[in-house]
């Protein structure tokens, strides 16, 4: 096909047709790939979930607080990351982390 003789309008229409065909074929290829994966897993006695493993990884349990403000029990810190302002202020006032330990 010699596209150099096509008008601008014909080129735009051709571009749209090509993009639509690419999307259609991509969808077909993905569907075919999914079927092949399922068939291969079944041939080996596996479920798709076993092949993929846990999706999203393990759920982490929140870390428990190790330190608490002496006058405000709502203020806690796990000991990870930057020290909260209230911890730094108490340390500057002469307290130790042991004084704040839960």
PDB file of N, CA and C in Angstrom:
ATOM      1  N   UNK A   1       0.851  -1.168   0.000  1.00  0.00           N
ATOM      2  CA  UNK A   1       0.000   0.000   0.000  1.00  0.00           C
ATOM      3  C   UNK A   1       0.900   1.236   0.000  1.00  0.00           C
ATOM      4  N   UNK A   2       0.702   2.105  -0.919  1.00  0.00           N
ATOM      5  CA  UNK A   2       1.472   3.343  -1.021  1.00  0.00           C
ATOM      6  C   UNK A   2       0.671   4.456  -0.355  1.00  0.00           C
ATOM      7  N   UNK A   3       1.108   4.840   0.864  1.00  0.00           N
ATOM      8  CA  UNK A   3       0.344   5.846   1.613  1.00  0.00           C
ATOM      9  C   UNK A   3       0.693   7.275   1.214  1.00  0.00           C
ATOM     10  N   UNK A   4       1.718   7.436   0.413  1.00  0.00           N
ATOM     11  CA  UNK A   4       2.107   8.793   0.020  1.00  0.00           C
ATOM     12  C   UNK A   4       1.058   9.464  -0.871  1.00  0.00           C
ATOM     13  N   UNK A   5       0.195   8.680  -1.494  1.00  0.00           N
ATOM     14  CA  UNK A   5      -0.847   9.247  -2.366  1.00  0.00           C
ATOM     15  C   UNK A   5      -2.163   9.499  -1.638  1.00  0.00           C
ATOM     16  N   UNK A   6      -2.224   9.152  -0.341  1.00  0.00           N
ATOM     17  CA  UNK A   6      -3.458   9.335   0.419  1.00  0.00           C
ATOM     18  C   UNK A   6      -3.586  10.781   0.879  1.00  0.00           C
ATOM     19  N   UNK A   7      -4.825  11.248   0.980  1.00  0.00           N
ATOM     20  CA  UNK A   7      -5.078  12.598   1.490  1.00  0.00           C
ATOM     21  C   UNK A   7      -4.940  12.580   3.012  1.00  0.00           C
ATOM     22  N   UNK A   8      -4.894  13.778   3.588  1.00  0.00           N
ATOM     23  CA  UNK A   8      -4.789  13.889   5.039  1.00  0.00           C
ATOM     24  C   UNK A   8      -5.940  13.164   5.728  1.00  0.00           C
ATOM     25  N   UNK A   9      -7.140  13.376   5.237  1.00  0.00           N
ATOM     26  CA  UNK A   9      -8.329  12.742   5.814  1.00  0.00           C
ATOM     27  C   UNK A   9      -8.235  11.230   5.724  1.00  0.00           C
ATOM     28  N   UNK A  10      -7.777  10.729   4.601  1.00  0.00           N
ATOM     29  CA  UNK A  10      -7.622   9.278   4.430  1.00  0.00           C
ATOM     30  C   UNK A  10      -6.542   8.735   5.368  1.00  0.00           C
ATOM     31  N   UNK A  11      -5.463   9.497   5.576  1.00  0.00           N
ATOM     32  CA  UNK A  11      -4.404   9.067   6.500  1.00  0.00           C
ATOM     33  C   UNK A  11      -4.915   8.996   7.934  1.00  0.00           C
ATOM     34  N   UNK A  12      -5.693   9.990   8.342  1.00  0.00           N
ATOM     35  CA  UNK A  12      -6.255   9.988   9.695  1.00  0.00           C
ATOM     36  C   UNK A  12      -7.196   8.804   9.865  1.00  0.00           C
ATOM     37  N   UNK A  13      -8.014   8.529   8.867  1.00  0.00           N
ATOM     38  CA  UNK A  13      -8.935   7.394   8.926  1.00  0.00           C
ATOM     39  C   UNK A  13      -8.154   6.090   9.001  1.00  0.00           C
ATOM     40  N   UNK A  14      -7.084   5.998   8.226  1.00  0.00           N
ATOM     41  CA  UNK A  14      -6.243   4.799   8.242  1.00  0.00           C
ATOM     42  C   UNK A  14      -5.590   4.619   9.605  1.00  0.00           C
ATOM     43  N   UNK A  15      -5.113   5.726  10.175  1.00  0.00           N
ATOM     44  CA  UNK A  15      -4.498   5.680  11.508  1.00  0.00           C
ATOM     45  C   UNK A  15      -5.495   5.155  12.534  1.00  0.00           C
ATOM     46  N   UNK A  16      -6.728   5.659  12.493  1.00  0.00           N
ATOM     47  CA  UNK A  16      -7.766   5.212  13.428  1.00  0.00           C
ATOM     48  C   UNK A  16      -8.073   3.737  13.236  1.00  0.00           C
ATOM     49  N   UNK A  17      -8.135   3.309  11.971  1.00  0.00           N
ATOM     50  CA  UNK A  17      -8.394   1.893  11.688  1.00  0.00           C
ATOM     51  C   UNK A  17      -7.275   1.018  12.237  1.00  0.00           C
ATOM     52  N   UNK A  18      -6.037   1.463  12.072  1.00  0.00           N
ATOM     53  CA  UNK A  18      -4.890   0.693  12.569  1.00  0.00           C
ATOM     54  C   UNK A  18      -4.929   0.614  14.099  1.00  0.00           C
ATOM     55  N   UNK A  19      -5.185   1.746  14.759  1.00  0.00           N
ATOM     56  CA  UNK A  19      -5.247   1.744  16.223  1.00  0.00           C
ATOM     57  C   UNK A  19      -6.354   0.833  16.740  1.00  0.00           C
ATOM     58  N   UNK A  20      -7.505   0.864  16.099  1.00  0.00           N
ATOM     59  CA  UNK A  20      -8.614  -0.008  16.504  1.00  0.00           C
ATOM     60  C   UNK A  20      -8.259  -1.476  16.298  1.00  0.00           C
ATOM     61  N   UNK A  21      -7.619  -1.785  15.191  1.00  0.00           N
ATOM     62  CA  UNK A  21      -7.225  -3.175  14.915  1.00  0.00           C
ATOM     63  C   UNK A  21      -6.182  -3.648  15.919  1.00  0.00           C
ATOM     64  N   UNK A  22      -5.255  -2.765  16.299  1.00  0.00           N
ATOM     65  CA  UNK A  22      -4.242  -3.122  17.298  1.00  0.00           C
ATOM     66  C   UNK A  22      -4.917  -3.446  18.634  1.00  0.00           C
ATOM     67  N   UNK A  23      -5.874  -2.626  19.050  1.00  0.00           N
ATOM     68  CA  UNK A  23      -6.590  -2.879  20.305  1.00  0.00           C
ATOM     69  C   UNK A  23      -7.342  -4.198  20.252  1.00  0.00           C
ATOM     70  N   UNK A  24      -7.995  -4.474  19.124  1.00  0.00           N
ATOM     71  CA  UNK A  24      -8.757  -5.711  18.984  1.00  0.00           C
ATOM     72  C   UNK A  24      -7.829  -6.920  19.067  1.00  0.00           C
ATOM     73  N   UNK A  25      -6.714  -6.855  18.359  1.00  0.00           N
ATOM     74  CA  UNK A  25      -5.781  -7.984  18.358  1.00  0.00           C
ATOM     75  C   UNK A  25      -5.104  -8.162  19.712  1.00  0.00           C
ATOM     76  N   UNK A  26      -4.811  -7.057  20.385  1.00  0.00           N
ATOM     77  CA  UNK A  26      -4.217  -7.152  21.720  1.00  0.00           C
ATOM     78  C   UNK A  26      -5.158  -7.889  22.665  1.00  0.00           C
ATOM     79  N   UNK A  27      -6.442  -7.550  22.594  1.00  0.00           N
ATOM     80  CA  UNK A  27      -7.437  -8.219  23.420  1.00  0.00           C
ATOM     81  C   UNK A  27      -7.502  -9.708  23.097  1.00  0.00           C
ATOM     82  N   UNK A  28      -7.483 -10.041  21.809  1.00  0.00           N
ATOM     83  CA  UNK A  28      -7.492 -11.440  21.380  1.00  0.00           C
ATOM     84  C   UNK A  28      -6.274 -12.189  21.907  1.00  0.00           C
ATOM     85  N   UNK A  29      -5.099 -11.562  21.790  1.00  0.00           N
ATOM     86  CA  UNK A  29      -3.855 -12.208  22.224  1.00  0.00           C
ATOM     87  C   UNK A  29      -3.862 -12.441  23.735  1.00  0.00           C
ATOM     88  N   UNK A  30      -4.369 -11.476  24.497  1.00  0.00           N
ATOM     89  CA  UNK A  30      -4.433 -11.643  25.945  1.00  0.00           C
ATOM     90  C   UNK A  30      -5.371 -12.770  26.319  1.00  0.00           C
ATOM     91  N   UNK A  31      -6.524 -12.842  25.642  1.00  0.00           N
ATOM     92  CA  UNK A  31      -7.483 -13.911  25.919  1.00  0.00           C
ATOM     93  C   UNK A  31      -6.859 -15.261  25.608  1.00  0.00           C
ATOM     94  N   UNK A  32      -6.161 -15.352  24.473  1.00  0.00           N
ATOM     95  CA  UNK A  32      -5.517 -16.601  24.085  1.00  0.00           C
ATOM     96  C   UNK A  32      -4.419 -16.989  25.091  1.00  0.00           C
ATOM     97  N   UNK A  33      -3.647 -16.002  25.541  1.00  0.00           N
ATOM     98  CA  UNK A  33      -2.581 -16.269  26.505  1.00  0.00           C
ATOM     99  C   UNK A  33      -3.152 -16.766  27.830  1.00  0.00           C
ATOM    100  N   UNK A  34      -4.250 -16.153  28.289  1.00  0.00           N
ATOM    101  CA  UNK A  34      -4.884 -16.586  29.535  1.00  0.00           C
ATOM    102  C   UNK A  34      -5.330 -18.037  29.436  1.00  0.00           C
ATOM    103  N   UNK A  35      -5.937 -18.402  28.296  1.00  0.00           N
ATOM    104  CA  UNK A  35      -6.396 -19.786  28.112  1.00  0.00           C
ATOM    105  C   UNK A  35      -5.212 -20.744  28.132  1.00  0.00           C
ATOM    106  N   UNK A  36      -4.110 -20.365  27.497  1.00  0.00           N
ATOM    107  CA  UNK A  36      -2.928 -21.227  27.472  1.00  0.00           C
ATOM    108  C   UNK A  36      -2.351 -21.399  28.871  1.00  0.00           C
ATOM    109  N   UNK A  37      -2.318 -20.331  29.636  1.00  0.00           N
ATOM    110  CA  UNK A  37      -1.792 -20.412  31.001  1.00  0.00           C
ATOM    111  C   UNK A  37      -2.648 -21.338  31.849  1.00  0.00           C
ATOM    112  N   UNK A  38      -3.963 -21.209  31.739  1.00  0.00           N
ATOM    113  CA  UNK A  38      -4.883 -22.050  32.516  1.00  0.00           C
ATOM    114  C   UNK A  38      -4.728 -23.514  32.111  1.00  0.00           C
ATOM    115  N   UNK A  39      -4.641 -23.770  30.812  1.00  0.00           N
ATOM    116  CA  UNK A  39      -4.472 -25.144  30.334  1.00  0.00           C
ATOM    117  C   UNK A  39      -3.154 -25.738  30.806  1.00  0.00           C
ATOM    118  N   UNK A  40      -2.083 -24.957  30.770  1.00  0.00           N
ATOM    119  CA  UNK A  40      -0.781 -25.444  31.213  1.00  0.00           C
ATOM    120  C   UNK A  40      -0.794 -25.740  32.707  1.00  0.00           C
ATOM    121  N   UNK A  41      -1.416 -24.861  33.490  1.00  0.00           N
ATOM    122  CA  UNK A  41      -1.509 -25.085  34.934  1.00  0.00           C
ATOM    123  C   UNK A  41      -2.297 -26.355  35.224  1.00  0.00           C
ATOM    124  N   UNK A  42      -3.428 -26.546  34.526  1.00  0.00           N
ATOM    125  CA  UNK A  42      -4.243 -27.745  34.727  1.00  0.00           C
ATOM    126  C   UNK A  42      -3.472 -29.004  34.343  1.00  0.00           C
ATOM    127  N   UNK A  43      -2.661 -28.925  33.291  1.00  0.00           N
ATOM    128  CA  UNK A  43      -1.885 -30.089  32.848  1.00  0.00           C
ATOM    129  C   UNK A  43      -0.922 -30.549  33.929  1.00  0.00           C
ATOM    130  N   UNK A  44      -0.478 -29.628  34.759  1.00  0.00           N
ATOM    131  CA  UNK A  44       0.443 -29.966  35.847  1.00  0.00           C
ATOM    132  C   UNK A  44      -0.270 -30.094  37.188  1.00  0.00           C
ATOM    133  N   UNK A  45      -1.592 -30.046  37.171  1.00  0.00           N
ATOM    134  CA  UNK A  45      -2.367 -30.211  38.391  1.00  0.00           C
ATOM    135  C   UNK A  45      -2.327 -29.004  39.311  1.00  0.00           C
ATOM    136  N   UNK A  46      -2.125 -27.841  38.748  1.00  0.00           N
ATOM    137  CA  UNK A  46      -2.050 -26.629  39.556  1.00  0.00           C
ATOM    138  C   UNK A  46      -3.229 -25.715  39.270  1.00  0.00           C
ATOM    139  N   UNK A  47      -3.608 -24.952  40.277  1.00  0.00           N
ATOM    140  CA  UNK A  47      -4.600 -23.904  40.044  1.00  0.00           C
ATOM    141  C   UNK A  47      -3.839 -22.641  39.653  1.00  0.00           C
ATOM    142  N   UNK A  48      -4.534 -21.720  39.045  1.00  0.00           N
ATOM    143  CA  UNK A  48      -3.891 -20.462  38.657  1.00  0.00           C
ATOM    144  C   UNK A  48      -3.391 -19.736  39.909  1.00  0.00           C
ATOM    145  N   UNK A  49      -4.135 -19.823  41.006  1.00  0.00           N
ATOM    146  CA  UNK A  49      -3.733 -19.176  42.254  1.00  0.00           C
ATOM    147  C   UNK A  49      -2.420 -19.755  42.764  1.00  0.00           C
ATOM    148  N   UNK A  50      -2.240 -21.087  42.622  1.00  0.00           N
ATOM    149  CA  UNK A  50      -0.990 -21.701  43.047  1.00  0.00           C
ATOM    150  C   UNK A  50       0.175 -21.225  42.189  1.00  0.00           C
ATOM    151  N   UNK A  51      -0.066 -21.044  40.921  1.00  0.00           N
ATOM    152  CA  UNK A  51       0.993 -20.593  40.016  1.00  0.00           C
ATOM    153  C   UNK A  51       1.376 -19.150  40.336  1.00  0.00           C
ATOM    154  N   UNK A  52       0.382 -18.311  40.548  1.00  0.00           N
ATOM    155  CA  UNK A  52       0.650 -16.897  40.789  1.00  0.00           C
ATOM    156  C   UNK A  52       1.090 -16.611  42.211  1.00  0.00           C
ATOM    157  N   UNK A  53       0.798 -17.498  43.138  1.00  0.00           N
ATOM    158  CA  UNK A  53       1.121 -17.252  44.531  1.00  0.00           C
ATOM    159  C   UNK A  53       0.159 -16.231  45.104  1.00  0.00           C
ATOM    160  N   UNK A  54       0.481 -15.743  46.262  1.00  0.00           N
ATOM    161  CA  UNK A  54      -0.375 -14.741  46.895  1.00  0.00           C
ATOM    162  C   UNK A  54      -0.238 -13.428  46.158  1.00  0.00           C
ATOM    163  N   UNK A  55      -1.351 -12.921  45.698  1.00  0.00           N
ATOM    164  CA  UNK A  55      -1.366 -11.629  45.015  1.00  0.00           C
ATOM    165  C   UNK A  55      -1.387 -10.535  46.067  1.00  0.00           C
ATOM    166  N   UNK A  56      -0.526  -9.530  45.912  1.00  0.00           N
ATOM    167  CA  UNK A  56      -0.496  -8.426  46.860  1.00  0.00           C
ATOM    168  C   UNK A  56       0.436  -8.651  48.024  1.00  0.00           C
ATOM    169  N   UNK A  57       1.052  -9.817  48.118  1.00  0.00           N
ATOM    170  CA  UNK A  57       2.003 -10.061  49.186  1.00  0.00           C
ATOM    171  C   UNK A  57       1.329 -10.304  50.518  1.00  0.00           C
ATOM    172  N   UNK A  58       2.149 -10.533  51.508  1.00  0.00           N
ATOM    173  CA  UNK A  58       1.646 -10.809  52.844  1.00  0.00           C
ATOM    174  C   UNK A  58       1.130  -9.534  53.491  1.00  0.00           C
ATOM    175  N   UNK A  59       0.088  -9.690  54.263  1.00  0.00           N
ATOM    176  CA  UNK A  59      -0.466  -8.552  54.985  1.00  0.00           C
ATOM    177  C   UNK A  59       0.362  -8.367  56.248  1.00  0.00           C
ATOM    178  N   UNK A  60       0.889  -7.175  56.421  1.00  0.00           N
ATOM    179  CA  UNK A  60       1.728  -6.913  57.588  1.00  0.00           C
ATOM    180  C   UNK A  60       0.883  -6.451  58.766  1.00  0.00           C
ATOM    181  N   UNK A  61       1.242  -6.956  59.912  1.00  0.00           N
ATOM    182  CA  UNK A  61       0.587  -6.555  61.144  1.00  0.00           C
ATOM    183  C   UNK A  61       1.198  -5.229  61.590  1.00  0.00           C
ATOM    184  N   UNK A  62       0.385  -4.295  62.018  1.00  0.00           N
ATOM    185  CA  UNK A  62       0.949  -3.021  62.478  1.00  0.00           C
ATOM    186  C   UNK A  62       1.936  -3.229  63.622  1.00  0.00           C
ATOM    187  N   UNK A  63       2.982  -2.429  63.642  1.00  0.00           N
ATOM    188  CA  UNK A  63       3.988  -2.531  64.691  1.00  0.00           C
ATOM    189  C   UNK A  63       3.425  -1.920  65.969  1.00  0.00           C
ATOM    190  N   UNK A  64       3.661  -2.596  67.076  1.00  0.00           N
ATOM    191  CA  UNK A  64       3.162  -2.094  68.353  1.00  0.00           C
ATOM    192  C   UNK A  64       4.013  -0.934  68.838  1.00  0.00           C
ATOM    193  N   UNK A  65       3.383  -0.025  69.531  1.00  0.00           N
ATOM    194  CA  UNK A  65       4.086   1.131  70.080  1.00  0.00           C
ATOM    195  C   UNK A  65       5.029   0.683  71.188  1.00  0.00           C
ATOM    196  N   UNK A  66       6.202   1.306  71.256  1.00  0.00           N
ATOM    197  CA  UNK A  66       7.175   1.010  72.309  1.00  0.00           C
ATOM    198  C   UNK A  66       7.282   2.144  73.325  1.00  0.00           C
ATOM    199  N   UNK A  67       6.836   3.343  72.888  1.00  0.00           N
ATOM    200  CA  UNK A  67       6.975   4.515  73.740  1.00  0.00           C
ATOM    201  C   UNK A  67       5.654   5.265  73.818  1.00  0.00           C
ATOM    202  N   UNK A  68       5.395   5.859  75.011  1.00  0.00           N
ATOM    203  CA  UNK A  68       4.150   6.596  75.228  1.00  0.00           C
ATOM    204  C   UNK A  68       4.462   7.878  75.999  1.00  0.00           C
ATOM    205  N   UNK A  69       3.735   8.922  75.653  1.00  0.00           N
ATOM    206  CA  UNK A  69       3.877  10.198  76.353  1.00  0.00           C
ATOM    207  C   UNK A  69       3.387  10.008  77.788  1.00  0.00           C
ATOM    208  N   UNK A  70       4.137  10.516  78.780  1.00  0.00           N
ATOM    209  CA  UNK A  70       3.737  10.280  80.180  1.00  0.00           C
ATOM    210  C   UNK A  70       2.415  10.932  80.584  1.00  0.00           C
ATOM    211  N   UNK A  71       2.051  12.087  79.992  1.00  0.00           N
ATOM    212  CA  UNK A  71       0.805  12.743  80.370  1.00  0.00           C
ATOM    213  C   UNK A  71      -0.329  12.517  79.366  1.00  0.00           C
ATOM    214  N   UNK A  72      -0.021  12.107  78.138  1.00  0.00           N
ATOM    215  CA  UNK A  72      -1.047  11.934  77.107  1.00  0.00           C
ATOM    216  C   UNK A  72      -0.883  10.541  76.482  1.00  0.00           C
ATOM    217  N   UNK A  73      -1.695   9.600  76.935  1.00  0.00           N
ATOM    218  CA  UNK A  73      -1.578   8.208  76.486  1.00  0.00           C
ATOM    219  C   UNK A  73      -1.902   8.035  75.001  1.00  0.00           C
ATOM    220  N   UNK A  74      -2.515   9.046  74.383  1.00  0.00           N
ATOM    221  CA  UNK A  74      -2.826   8.956  72.953  1.00  0.00           C
ATOM    222  C   UNK A  74      -1.580   9.127  72.087  1.00  0.00           C
ATOM    223  N   UNK A  75      -0.534   9.724  72.641  1.00  0.00           N
ATOM    224  CA  UNK A  75       0.702   9.949  71.888  1.00  0.00           C
ATOM    225  C   UNK A  75       1.628   8.759  72.091  1.00  0.00           C
ATOM    226  N   UNK A  76       1.817   7.993  71.032  1.00  0.00           N
ATOM    227  CA  UNK A  76       2.699   6.825  71.094  1.00  0.00           C
ATOM    228  C   UNK A  76       3.653   6.854  69.912  1.00  0.00           C
ATOM    229  N   UNK A  77       4.709   6.042  70.016  1.00  0.00           N
ATOM    230  CA  UNK A  77       5.707   5.922  68.947  1.00  0.00           C
ATOM    231  C   UNK A  77       6.238   4.505  68.939  1.00  0.00           C
ATOM    232  N   UNK A  78       6.420   3.953  67.739  1.00  0.00           N
ATOM    233  CA  UNK A  78       6.902   2.576  67.601  1.00  0.00           C
ATOM    234  C   UNK A  78       8.405   2.462  67.769  1.00  0.00           C
ATOM    235  N   UNK A  79       9.098   3.587  67.680  1.00  0.00           N
ATOM    236  CA  UNK A  79      10.549   3.551  67.742  1.00  0.00           C
ATOM    237  C   UNK A  79      11.173   3.472  66.365  1.00  0.00           C
ATOM    238  N   UNK A  80      10.323   3.483  65.345  1.00  0.00           N
ATOM    239  CA  UNK A  80      10.794   3.437  63.964  1.00  0.00           C
ATOM    240  C   UNK A  80      10.632   4.808  63.323  1.00  0.00           C
ATOM    241  N   UNK A  81      11.532   5.121  62.411  1.00  0.00           N
ATOM    242  CA  UNK A  81      11.437   6.390  61.706  1.00  0.00           C
ATOM    243  C   UNK A  81      11.901   7.549  62.579  1.00  0.00           C
ATOM    244  N   UNK A  82      11.597   8.755  62.113  1.00  0.00           N
ATOM    245  CA  UNK A  82      11.988   9.951  62.866  1.00  0.00           C
ATOM    246  C   UNK A  82      11.260  10.021  64.193  1.00  0.00           C
ATOM    247  N   UNK A  83      11.957  10.576  65.158  1.00  0.00           N
ATOM    248  CA  UNK A  83      11.322  10.769  66.466  1.00  0.00           C
ATOM    249  C   UNK A  83      10.240  11.831  66.327  1.00  0.00           C
ATOM    250  N   UNK A  84       9.074  11.572  66.888  1.00  0.00           N
ATOM    251  CA  UNK A  84       8.038  12.602  66.891  1.00  0.00           C
ATOM    252  C   UNK A  84       8.511  13.811  67.703  1.00  0.00           C
ATOM    253  N   UNK A  85       7.912  14.948  67.433  1.00  0.00           N
ATOM    254  CA  UNK A  85       8.287  16.190  68.124  1.00  0.00           C
ATOM    255  C   UNK A  85       8.166  16.022  69.632  1.00  0.00           C
ATOM    256  N   UNK A  86       7.088  15.387  70.082  1.00  0.00           N
ATOM    257  CA  UNK A  86       6.895  15.245  71.521  1.00  0.00           C
ATOM    258  C   UNK A  86       7.999  14.406  72.165  1.00  0.00           C
ATOM    259  N   UNK A  87       8.506  13.403  71.465  1.00  0.00           N
ATOM    260  CA  UNK A  87       9.606  12.586  71.996  1.00  0.00           C
ATOM    261  C   UNK A  87      10.851  13.456  72.095  1.00  0.00           C
ATOM    262  N   UNK A  88      11.181  14.172  71.045  1.00  0.00           N
ATOM    263  CA  UNK A  88      12.373  15.010  71.042  1.00  0.00           C
ATOM    264  C   UNK A  88      12.303  16.072  72.128  1.00  0.00           C
ATOM    265  N   UNK A  89      11.111  16.660  72.319  1.00  0.00           N
ATOM    266  CA  UNK A  89      10.956  17.677  73.364  1.00  0.00           C
ATOM    267  C   UNK A  89      11.207  17.082  74.756  1.00  0.00           C
ATOM    268  N   UNK A  90      10.689  15.881  75.009  1.00  0.00           N
ATOM    269  CA  UNK A  90      10.904  15.245  76.310  1.00  0.00           C
ATOM    270  C   UNK A  90      12.363  14.849  76.499  1.00  0.00           C
ATOM    271  N   UNK A  91      13.020  14.400  75.431  1.00  0.00           N
ATOM    272  CA  UNK A  91      14.441  14.064  75.513  1.00  0.00           C
ATOM    273  C   UNK A  91      15.257  15.328  75.803  1.00  0.00           C
ATOM    274  N   UNK A  92      14.901  16.419  75.165  1.00  0.00           N
ATOM    275  CA  UNK A  92      15.595  17.694  75.407  1.00  0.00           C
ATOM    276  C   UNK A  92      15.369  18.185  76.833  1.00  0.00           C
ATOM    277  N   UNK A  93      14.234  17.809  77.427  1.00  0.00           N
ATOM    278  CA  UNK A  93      13.905  18.216  78.795  1.00  0.00           C
ATOM    279  C   UNK A  93      14.558  17.306  79.834  1.00  0.00           C
ATOM    280  N   UNK A  94      15.359  16.344  79.401  1.00  0.00           N
ATOM    281  CA  UNK A  94      16.078  15.494  80.349  1.00  0.00           C
ATOM    282  C   UNK A  94      15.548  14.077  80.493  1.00  0.00           C
ATOM    283  N   UNK A  95      14.433  13.761  79.850  1.00  0.00           N
ATOM    284  CA  UNK A  95      13.901  12.390  79.918  1.00  0.00           C
ATOM    285  C   UNK A  95      14.763  11.479  79.048  1.00  0.00           C
ATOM    286  N   UNK A  96      14.647  10.178  79.243  1.00  0.00           N
ATOM    287  CA  UNK A  96      15.325   9.187  78.398  1.00  0.00           C
ATOM    288  C   UNK A  96      14.266   8.345  77.720  1.00  0.00           C
ATOM    289  N   UNK A  97      14.661   7.613  76.688  1.00  0.00           N
ATOM    290  CA  UNK A  97      13.708   6.717  76.016  1.00  0.00           C
ATOM    291  C   UNK A  97      13.193   5.672  76.983  1.00  0.00           C
ATOM    292  N   UNK A  98      14.038   5.259  77.935  1.00  0.00           N
ATOM    293  CA  UNK A  98      13.591   4.285  78.938  1.00  0.00           C
ATOM    294  C   UNK A  98      12.457   4.845  79.789  1.00  0.00           C
ATOM    295  N   UNK A  99      12.505   6.153  80.024  1.00  0.00           N
ATOM    296  CA  UNK A  99      11.422   6.801  80.791  1.00  0.00           C
ATOM    297  C   UNK A  99      10.098   6.751  80.031  1.00  0.00           C
ATOM    298  N   UNK A 100      10.170   6.719  78.718  1.00  0.00           N
ATOM    299  CA  UNK A 100       8.962   6.730  77.875  1.00  0.00           C
ATOM    300  C   UNK A 100       8.518   5.334  77.473  1.00  0.00           C
ATOM    301  N   UNK A 101       9.293   4.318  77.765  1.00  0.00           N
ATOM    302  CA  UNK A 101       8.987   2.945  77.347  1.00  0.00           C
ATOM    303  C   UNK A 101       7.681   2.481  77.950  1.00  0.00           C
ATOM    304  N   UNK A 102       6.957   1.714  77.165  1.00  0.00           N
ATOM    305  CA  UNK A 102       5.666   1.177  77.624  1.00  0.00           C
ATOM    306  C   UNK A 102       5.934  -0.077  78.429  1.00  0.00           C
TER     307      UNK A 102
END
